[in-house]
Amino acid sequence: MWVVFWAGLHRFIWDVINVTISPSLLITDDDRGFRESLRDVFQPRGFRTLLASDGEEALRIVQKDEIHLVLIDMHMPRLCGRDAIAQIKRVKACLPCILISGQLDDEIRKSVDAFDVLAKPINVNEVTSTVSEALRVTYDWAAR
């Protein structure tokens, strides 16, 4: 009986969270225009968006803010996307990260601990569905 009660309470809490809290999305890319374009895609869909210009800044934001998902470019100054994801996972192991790059190969895809890897140029439908899937799988969040 208690198991059923706790399972029901857990489901209720997640339903309340899904209704009242907007998922926070950290968009990391050294191209300001690209960051802002992705922000303009996700904000109207109800996401709280934060922007970072490189992997080091992304790591600092993850350490201090409540982030639900990271979209991150591979090639950036100071700390590349692959290394940033590795450091982010040391801080928050379950945080889903989606790597984005204009120059992908199988080695990168296999070596990065990412929910998914997307190629530039980004297709809006592909990135929004991948983000929705990552939130659903990780947090049981309803599609946005």
N, C-alpha and C. Protein backbone atom coordinates (compact mmCIF):
# COMPACT_ATOMS: atom_id res chain seq x y z
N MET A 1 0.82 -1.19 0.00
CA MET A 1 0.00 0.00 0.00
C MET A 1 0.87 1.26 0.00
N TRP A 2 1.93 1.27 0.82
CA TRP A 2 2.80 2.45 0.88
C TRP A 2 3.52 2.68 -0.44
N VAL A 3 3.88 1.58 -1.10
CA VAL A 3 4.56 1.71 -2.38
C VAL A 3 3.65 2.41 -3.39
N VAL A 4 2.39 2.01 -3.42
CA VAL A 4 1.43 2.63 -4.33
C VAL A 4 1.26 4.10 -3.98
N PHE A 5 1.16 4.41 -2.68
CA PHE A 5 1.03 5.80 -2.24
C PHE A 5 2.23 6.62 -2.69
N TRP A 6 3.45 6.12 -2.43
CA TRP A 6 4.65 6.88 -2.80
C TRP A 6 4.79 7.02 -4.30
N ALA A 7 4.44 5.97 -5.04
CA ALA A 7 4.50 6.06 -6.50
C ALA A 7 3.51 7.11 -7.00
N GLY A 8 2.32 7.13 -6.43
CA GLY A 8 1.33 8.13 -6.81
C GLY A 8 1.76 9.53 -6.44
N LEU A 9 2.37 9.68 -5.26
CA LEU A 9 2.87 10.99 -4.82
C LEU A 9 3.99 11.46 -5.74
N HIS A 10 4.90 10.57 -6.10
CA HIS A 10 6.00 10.91 -7.02
C HIS A 10 5.43 11.39 -8.35
N ARG A 11 4.44 10.69 -8.89
CA ARG A 11 3.82 11.07 -10.17
C ARG A 11 3.15 12.44 -10.04
N PHE A 12 2.46 12.67 -8.91
CA PHE A 12 1.79 13.96 -8.68
C PHE A 12 2.81 15.09 -8.63
N ILE A 13 3.90 14.87 -7.92
CA ILE A 13 4.94 15.92 -7.81
C ILE A 13 5.50 16.24 -9.19
N TRP A 14 5.81 15.22 -9.99
CA TRP A 14 6.33 15.48 -11.34
C TRP A 14 5.31 16.18 -12.21
N ASP A 15 4.01 15.84 -12.06
CA ASP A 15 2.98 16.53 -12.83
C ASP A 15 2.92 18.00 -12.46
N VAL A 16 3.04 18.31 -11.16
CA VAL A 16 3.05 19.71 -10.72
C VAL A 16 4.27 20.43 -11.27
N ILE A 17 5.43 19.79 -11.20
CA ILE A 17 6.65 20.41 -11.72
C ILE A 17 6.51 20.67 -13.22
N ASN A 18 5.97 19.72 -13.94
CA ASN A 18 5.82 19.90 -15.39
C ASN A 18 4.91 21.07 -15.73
N VAL A 19 3.94 21.35 -14.89
CA VAL A 19 3.01 22.45 -15.14
C VAL A 19 3.59 23.78 -14.70
N THR A 20 4.32 23.79 -13.58
CA THR A 20 4.72 25.07 -12.98
C THR A 20 6.14 25.51 -13.29
N ILE A 21 7.01 24.62 -13.67
CA ILE A 21 8.41 24.99 -13.89
C ILE A 21 8.74 24.85 -15.37
N SER A 22 9.31 25.89 -15.92
CA SER A 22 9.80 25.81 -17.29
C SER A 22 11.16 25.14 -17.29
N PRO A 23 11.40 24.23 -18.21
CA PRO A 23 12.73 23.64 -18.26
C PRO A 23 13.77 24.69 -18.64
N SER A 24 14.92 24.60 -18.01
CA SER A 24 16.00 25.55 -18.31
C SER A 24 17.00 24.90 -19.26
N LEU A 25 17.33 25.65 -20.29
CA LEU A 25 18.17 25.17 -21.37
C LEU A 25 19.39 26.07 -21.47
N LEU A 26 20.58 25.49 -21.35
CA LEU A 26 21.82 26.24 -21.51
C LEU A 26 22.33 26.04 -22.93
N ILE A 27 22.40 27.14 -23.67
CA ILE A 27 22.86 27.12 -25.06
C ILE A 27 24.28 27.66 -25.09
N THR A 28 25.22 26.83 -25.54
CA THR A 28 26.64 27.19 -25.51
C THR A 28 27.23 27.11 -26.92
N ASP A 29 27.69 28.26 -27.40
CA ASP A 29 28.32 28.34 -28.72
C ASP A 29 29.12 29.64 -28.76
N ASP A 30 30.27 29.62 -29.41
CA ASP A 30 31.07 30.84 -29.50
C ASP A 30 30.52 31.82 -30.54
N ASP A 31 29.56 31.39 -31.34
CA ASP A 31 28.90 32.25 -32.32
C ASP A 31 27.65 32.86 -31.68
N ARG A 32 27.74 34.15 -31.35
CA ARG A 32 26.64 34.83 -30.66
C ARG A 32 25.32 34.75 -31.44
N GLY A 33 25.40 34.93 -32.75
CA GLY A 33 24.20 34.87 -33.57
C GLY A 33 23.52 33.51 -33.50
N PHE A 34 24.32 32.45 -33.48
CA PHE A 34 23.78 31.09 -33.38
C PHE A 34 23.10 30.88 -32.03
N ARG A 35 23.79 31.32 -30.95
CA ARG A 35 23.20 31.21 -29.60
C ARG A 35 21.85 31.91 -29.55
N GLU A 36 21.83 33.14 -30.05
CA GLU A 36 20.60 33.93 -29.99
C GLU A 36 19.50 33.35 -30.87
N SER A 37 19.88 32.76 -32.00
CA SER A 37 18.88 32.10 -32.86
C SER A 37 18.24 30.92 -32.15
N LEU A 38 19.05 30.12 -31.47
CA LEU A 38 18.49 28.99 -30.71
C LEU A 38 17.63 29.49 -29.55
N ARG A 39 18.06 30.55 -28.89
CA ARG A 39 17.23 31.15 -27.83
C ARG A 39 15.87 31.54 -28.40
N ASP A 40 15.88 32.15 -29.59
CA ASP A 40 14.63 32.59 -30.21
C ASP A 40 13.73 31.43 -30.63
N VAL A 41 14.31 30.25 -30.81
CA VAL A 41 13.53 29.05 -31.10
C VAL A 41 12.88 28.52 -29.82
N PHE A 42 13.64 28.50 -28.71
CA PHE A 42 13.17 27.81 -27.51
C PHE A 42 12.38 28.68 -26.54
N GLN A 43 12.66 29.96 -26.43
CA GLN A 43 11.91 30.80 -25.50
C GLN A 43 10.41 30.81 -25.79
N PRO A 44 9.98 30.97 -27.04
CA PRO A 44 8.53 30.94 -27.30
C PRO A 44 7.88 29.59 -26.99
N ARG A 45 8.68 28.56 -26.86
CA ARG A 45 8.16 27.24 -26.53
C ARG A 45 8.12 27.01 -25.01
N GLY A 46 8.39 28.06 -24.24
CA GLY A 46 8.28 27.97 -22.79
C GLY A 46 9.55 27.62 -22.05
N PHE A 47 10.68 27.61 -22.73
CA PHE A 47 11.94 27.30 -22.07
C PHE A 47 12.55 28.54 -21.44
N ARG A 48 13.18 28.36 -20.31
CA ARG A 48 14.04 29.39 -19.72
C ARG A 48 15.41 29.14 -20.33
N THR A 49 15.95 30.13 -21.04
CA THR A 49 17.22 29.92 -21.73
C THR A 49 18.34 30.73 -21.10
N LEU A 50 19.49 30.11 -20.98
CA LEU A 50 20.71 30.77 -20.55
C LEU A 50 21.72 30.58 -21.67
N LEU A 51 22.60 31.56 -21.85
CA LEU A 51 23.56 31.53 -22.94
C LEU A 51 24.98 31.55 -22.40
N ALA A 52 25.86 30.77 -23.04
CA ALA A 52 27.29 30.76 -22.69
C ALA A 52 28.08 30.80 -23.99
N SER A 53 29.24 31.48 -23.94
CA SER A 53 30.04 31.65 -25.15
C SER A 53 31.16 30.61 -25.30
N ASP A 54 31.40 29.81 -24.26
CA ASP A 54 32.41 28.75 -24.35
C ASP A 54 32.17 27.72 -23.26
N GLY A 55 32.94 26.64 -23.31
CA GLY A 55 32.76 25.54 -22.37
C GLY A 55 33.03 25.92 -20.92
N GLU A 56 34.01 26.79 -20.68
CA GLU A 56 34.29 27.21 -19.31
C GLU A 56 33.12 27.97 -18.71
N GLU A 57 32.53 28.86 -19.49
CA GLU A 57 31.37 29.61 -19.01
C GLU A 57 30.19 28.67 -18.78
N ALA A 58 30.01 27.69 -19.65
CA ALA A 58 28.94 26.71 -19.48
C ALA A 58 29.11 25.94 -18.18
N LEU A 59 30.32 25.52 -17.89
CA LEU A 59 30.60 24.78 -16.65
C LEU A 59 30.27 25.63 -15.43
N ARG A 60 30.65 26.90 -15.44
CA ARG A 60 30.32 27.80 -14.32
C ARG A 60 28.81 27.93 -14.13
N ILE A 61 28.08 28.06 -15.23
CA ILE A 61 26.63 28.20 -15.14
C ILE A 61 26.00 26.93 -14.59
N VAL A 62 26.44 25.78 -15.06
CA VAL A 62 25.91 24.50 -14.58
C VAL A 62 26.15 24.34 -13.08
N GLN A 63 27.29 24.83 -12.60
CA GLN A 63 27.62 24.70 -11.18
C GLN A 63 26.76 25.61 -10.30
N LYS A 64 26.26 26.72 -10.83
CA LYS A 64 25.54 27.66 -9.97
C LYS A 64 24.04 27.74 -10.24
N ASP A 65 23.58 27.33 -11.42
CA ASP A 65 22.16 27.44 -11.78
C ASP A 65 21.52 26.07 -11.91
N GLU A 66 20.20 26.06 -11.85
CA GLU A 66 19.44 24.84 -12.10
C GLU A 66 19.25 24.71 -13.62
N ILE A 67 19.97 23.80 -14.21
CA ILE A 67 19.93 23.57 -15.66
C ILE A 67 19.34 22.18 -15.90
N HIS A 68 18.43 22.08 -16.86
CA HIS A 68 17.84 20.78 -17.18
C HIS A 68 18.44 20.14 -18.42
N LEU A 69 19.05 20.94 -19.29
CA LEU A 69 19.63 20.40 -20.51
C LEU A 69 20.65 21.38 -21.06
N VAL A 70 21.72 20.84 -21.65
CA VAL A 70 22.77 21.67 -22.26
C VAL A 70 22.85 21.35 -23.75
N LEU A 71 22.74 22.40 -24.56
CA LEU A 71 23.05 22.32 -25.99
C LEU A 71 24.42 22.96 -26.15
N ILE A 72 25.39 22.25 -26.71
CA ILE A 72 26.75 22.77 -26.71
C ILE A 72 27.47 22.46 -28.03
N ASP A 73 28.17 23.46 -28.54
CA ASP A 73 28.95 23.34 -29.77
C ASP A 73 30.24 22.57 -29.48
N MET A 74 30.75 21.89 -30.47
CA MET A 74 31.99 21.14 -30.31
C MET A 74 33.22 22.03 -30.33
N HIS A 75 33.32 22.90 -31.32
CA HIS A 75 34.54 23.68 -31.53
C HIS A 75 34.38 25.09 -30.98
N MET A 76 35.02 25.33 -29.83
CA MET A 76 34.99 26.64 -29.17
C MET A 76 36.34 26.91 -28.54
N PRO A 77 36.66 28.19 -28.32
CA PRO A 77 37.92 28.51 -27.64
C PRO A 77 37.85 28.11 -26.16
N ARG A 78 38.99 27.98 -25.55
CA ARG A 78 39.20 27.70 -24.13
C ARG A 78 38.81 26.30 -23.70
N LEU A 79 37.62 25.84 -24.01
CA LEU A 79 37.20 24.49 -23.62
C LEU A 79 36.19 24.00 -24.66
N CYS A 80 36.58 22.98 -25.41
CA CYS A 80 35.70 22.48 -26.48
C CYS A 80 34.50 21.76 -25.88
N GLY A 81 33.51 21.52 -26.71
CA GLY A 81 32.27 20.90 -26.26
C GLY A 81 32.46 19.53 -25.65
N ARG A 82 33.29 18.69 -26.27
CA ARG A 82 33.51 17.34 -25.74
C ARG A 82 34.11 17.38 -24.34
N ASP A 83 35.13 18.23 -24.14
CA ASP A 83 35.76 18.34 -22.82
C ASP A 83 34.82 19.00 -21.81
N ALA A 84 34.04 19.96 -22.27
CA ALA A 84 33.08 20.62 -21.37
C ALA A 84 32.03 19.62 -20.90
N ILE A 85 31.54 18.78 -21.80
CA ILE A 85 30.56 17.77 -21.41
C ILE A 85 31.16 16.83 -20.37
N ALA A 86 32.40 16.40 -20.56
CA ALA A 86 33.05 15.52 -19.59
C ALA A 86 33.11 16.17 -18.22
N GLN A 87 33.45 17.46 -18.16
CA GLN A 87 33.52 18.16 -16.87
C GLN A 87 32.13 18.39 -16.29
N ILE A 88 31.16 18.70 -17.13
CA ILE A 88 29.78 18.88 -16.66
C ILE A 88 29.27 17.58 -16.05
N LYS A 89 29.56 16.45 -16.68
CA LYS A 89 29.11 15.15 -16.18
C LYS A 89 29.76 14.79 -14.84
N ARG A 90 30.94 15.34 -14.56
CA ARG A 90 31.56 15.11 -13.25
C ARG A 90 30.80 15.87 -12.16
N VAL A 91 30.19 16.98 -12.53
CA VAL A 91 29.43 17.80 -11.58
C VAL A 91 27.99 17.30 -11.47
N LYS A 92 27.36 17.04 -12.61
CA LYS A 92 25.97 16.60 -12.67
C LYS A 92 25.86 15.46 -13.67
N ALA A 93 26.06 14.25 -13.19
CA ALA A 93 26.18 13.08 -14.07
C ALA A 93 24.96 12.83 -14.93
N CYS A 94 23.78 13.14 -14.43
CA CYS A 94 22.55 12.83 -15.17
C CYS A 94 22.08 13.96 -16.07
N LEU A 95 22.78 15.07 -16.11
CA LEU A 95 22.36 16.22 -16.92
C LEU A 95 22.51 15.88 -18.41
N PRO A 96 21.41 15.88 -19.16
CA PRO A 96 21.53 15.57 -20.59
C PRO A 96 22.21 16.71 -21.35
N CYS A 97 23.14 16.33 -22.20
CA CYS A 97 23.87 17.28 -23.05
C CYS A 97 23.72 16.84 -24.49
N ILE A 98 23.50 17.80 -25.36
CA ILE A 98 23.40 17.54 -26.79
C ILE A 98 24.53 18.30 -27.46
N LEU A 99 25.42 17.57 -28.12
CA LEU A 99 26.56 18.18 -28.80
C LEU A 99 26.16 18.57 -30.22
N ILE A 100 26.60 19.76 -30.63
CA ILE A 100 26.32 20.27 -31.97
C ILE A 100 27.65 20.60 -32.64
N SER A 101 27.79 20.21 -33.91
CA SER A 101 29.04 20.52 -34.60
C SER A 101 28.85 20.53 -36.11
N GLY A 102 29.62 21.37 -36.75
CA GLY A 102 29.64 21.40 -38.20
C GLY A 102 30.62 20.40 -38.78
N GLN A 103 31.47 19.83 -37.93
CA GLN A 103 32.48 18.87 -38.38
C GLN A 103 32.42 17.63 -37.50
N LEU A 104 31.57 16.71 -37.88
CA LEU A 104 31.38 15.50 -37.09
C LEU A 104 32.01 14.30 -37.78
N ASP A 105 32.51 13.40 -36.95
CA ASP A 105 32.96 12.10 -37.46
C ASP A 105 32.57 11.05 -36.43
N ASP A 106 32.72 9.79 -36.80
CA ASP A 106 32.31 8.70 -35.91
C ASP A 106 33.09 8.70 -34.60
N GLU A 107 34.36 9.11 -34.64
CA GLU A 107 35.17 9.14 -33.42
C GLU A 107 34.57 10.10 -32.39
N ILE A 108 34.17 11.27 -32.84
CA ILE A 108 33.55 12.24 -31.93
C ILE A 108 32.25 11.68 -31.38
N ARG A 109 31.42 11.14 -32.24
CA ARG A 109 30.13 10.58 -31.79
C ARG A 109 30.32 9.50 -30.73
N LYS A 110 31.33 8.66 -30.92
CA LYS A 110 31.56 7.55 -29.99
C LYS A 110 32.24 7.99 -28.70
N SER A 111 33.00 9.07 -28.75
CA SER A 111 33.82 9.44 -27.59
C SER A 111 33.14 10.41 -26.63
N VAL A 112 32.02 10.97 -27.00
CA VAL A 112 31.39 11.98 -26.16
C VAL A 112 30.21 11.37 -25.40
N ASP A 113 30.08 11.74 -24.13
CA ASP A 113 28.99 11.25 -23.28
C ASP A 113 27.79 12.19 -23.41
N ALA A 114 27.19 12.19 -24.60
CA ALA A 114 26.08 13.10 -24.88
C ALA A 114 24.80 12.31 -25.13
N PHE A 115 23.68 12.95 -24.85
CA PHE A 115 22.39 12.33 -25.16
C PHE A 115 22.28 12.10 -26.66
N ASP A 116 22.75 13.08 -27.43
CA ASP A 116 22.75 12.96 -28.88
C ASP A 116 23.78 13.92 -29.46
N VAL A 117 24.10 13.73 -30.72
CA VAL A 117 25.03 14.60 -31.44
C VAL A 117 24.32 15.05 -32.71
N LEU A 118 24.24 16.37 -32.90
CA LEU A 118 23.55 16.94 -34.06
C LEU A 118 24.53 17.70 -34.94
N ALA A 119 24.29 17.64 -36.23
CA ALA A 119 25.17 18.31 -37.19
C ALA A 119 24.63 19.70 -37.53
N LYS A 120 25.57 20.63 -37.69
CA LYS A 120 25.22 21.95 -38.23
C LYS A 120 25.25 21.84 -39.74
N PRO A 121 24.44 22.55 -40.46
CA PRO A 121 23.45 23.50 -39.95
C PRO A 121 22.30 22.76 -39.28
N ILE A 122 21.79 23.38 -38.23
CA ILE A 122 20.74 22.77 -37.42
C ILE A 122 19.39 22.87 -38.12
N ASN A 123 18.65 21.79 -38.06
CA ASN A 123 17.26 21.75 -38.50
C ASN A 123 16.41 22.01 -37.26
N VAL A 124 15.56 23.03 -37.29
CA VAL A 124 14.78 23.42 -36.11
C VAL A 124 13.93 22.26 -35.61
N ASN A 125 13.28 21.53 -36.50
CA ASN A 125 12.46 20.40 -36.06
C ASN A 125 13.30 19.32 -35.39
N GLU A 126 14.49 19.08 -35.92
CA GLU A 126 15.36 18.06 -35.34
C GLU A 126 15.83 18.46 -33.94
N VAL A 127 16.27 19.70 -33.78
CA VAL A 127 16.79 20.11 -32.47
C VAL A 127 15.67 20.20 -31.44
N THR A 128 14.50 20.68 -31.82
CA THR A 128 13.41 20.77 -30.84
C THR A 128 12.91 19.38 -30.45
N SER A 129 12.83 18.47 -31.41
CA SER A 129 12.39 17.11 -31.06
C SER A 129 13.44 16.38 -30.23
N THR A 130 14.72 16.62 -30.50
CA THR A 130 15.79 15.98 -29.71
C THR A 130 15.78 16.51 -28.28
N VAL A 131 15.61 17.81 -28.11
CA VAL A 131 15.52 18.40 -26.77
C VAL A 131 14.30 17.83 -26.03
N SER A 132 13.16 17.78 -26.70
CA SER A 132 11.95 17.22 -26.07
C SER A 132 12.16 15.77 -25.66
N GLU A 133 12.80 14.99 -26.52
CA GLU A 133 13.05 13.59 -26.20
C GLU A 133 14.01 13.45 -25.01
N ALA A 134 15.04 14.27 -24.96
CA ALA A 134 15.99 14.23 -23.84
C ALA A 134 15.28 14.57 -22.53
N LEU A 135 14.41 15.55 -22.54
CA LEU A 135 13.67 15.92 -21.33
C LEU A 135 12.69 14.82 -20.93
N ARG A 136 12.06 14.20 -21.92
CA ARG A 136 11.11 13.12 -21.63
C ARG A 136 11.84 11.93 -21.02
N VAL A 137 12.95 11.54 -21.63
CA VAL A 137 13.70 10.37 -21.16
C VAL A 137 14.32 10.63 -19.79
N THR A 138 14.89 11.80 -19.59
CA THR A 138 15.62 12.10 -18.36
C THR A 138 14.70 12.45 -17.20
N TYR A 139 13.67 13.24 -17.47
CA TYR A 139 12.82 13.77 -16.39
C TYR A 139 11.36 13.37 -16.50
N ASP A 140 11.00 12.59 -17.50
CA ASP A 140 9.61 12.25 -17.77
C ASP A 140 8.78 13.52 -18.00
N TRP A 141 9.41 14.49 -18.66
CA TRP A 141 8.77 15.78 -18.95
C TRP A 141 7.93 15.65 -20.20
N ALA A 142 6.76 16.25 -20.18
CA ALA A 142 5.89 16.25 -21.36
C ALA A 142 6.53 17.08 -22.47
N ALA A 143 6.22 16.74 -23.71
CA ALA A 143 6.76 17.48 -24.86
C ALA A 143 6.32 18.93 -24.83
N ARG A 144 7.23 19.79 -25.31
CA ARG A 144 6.94 21.23 -25.36
C ARG A 144 6.87 21.66 -26.79
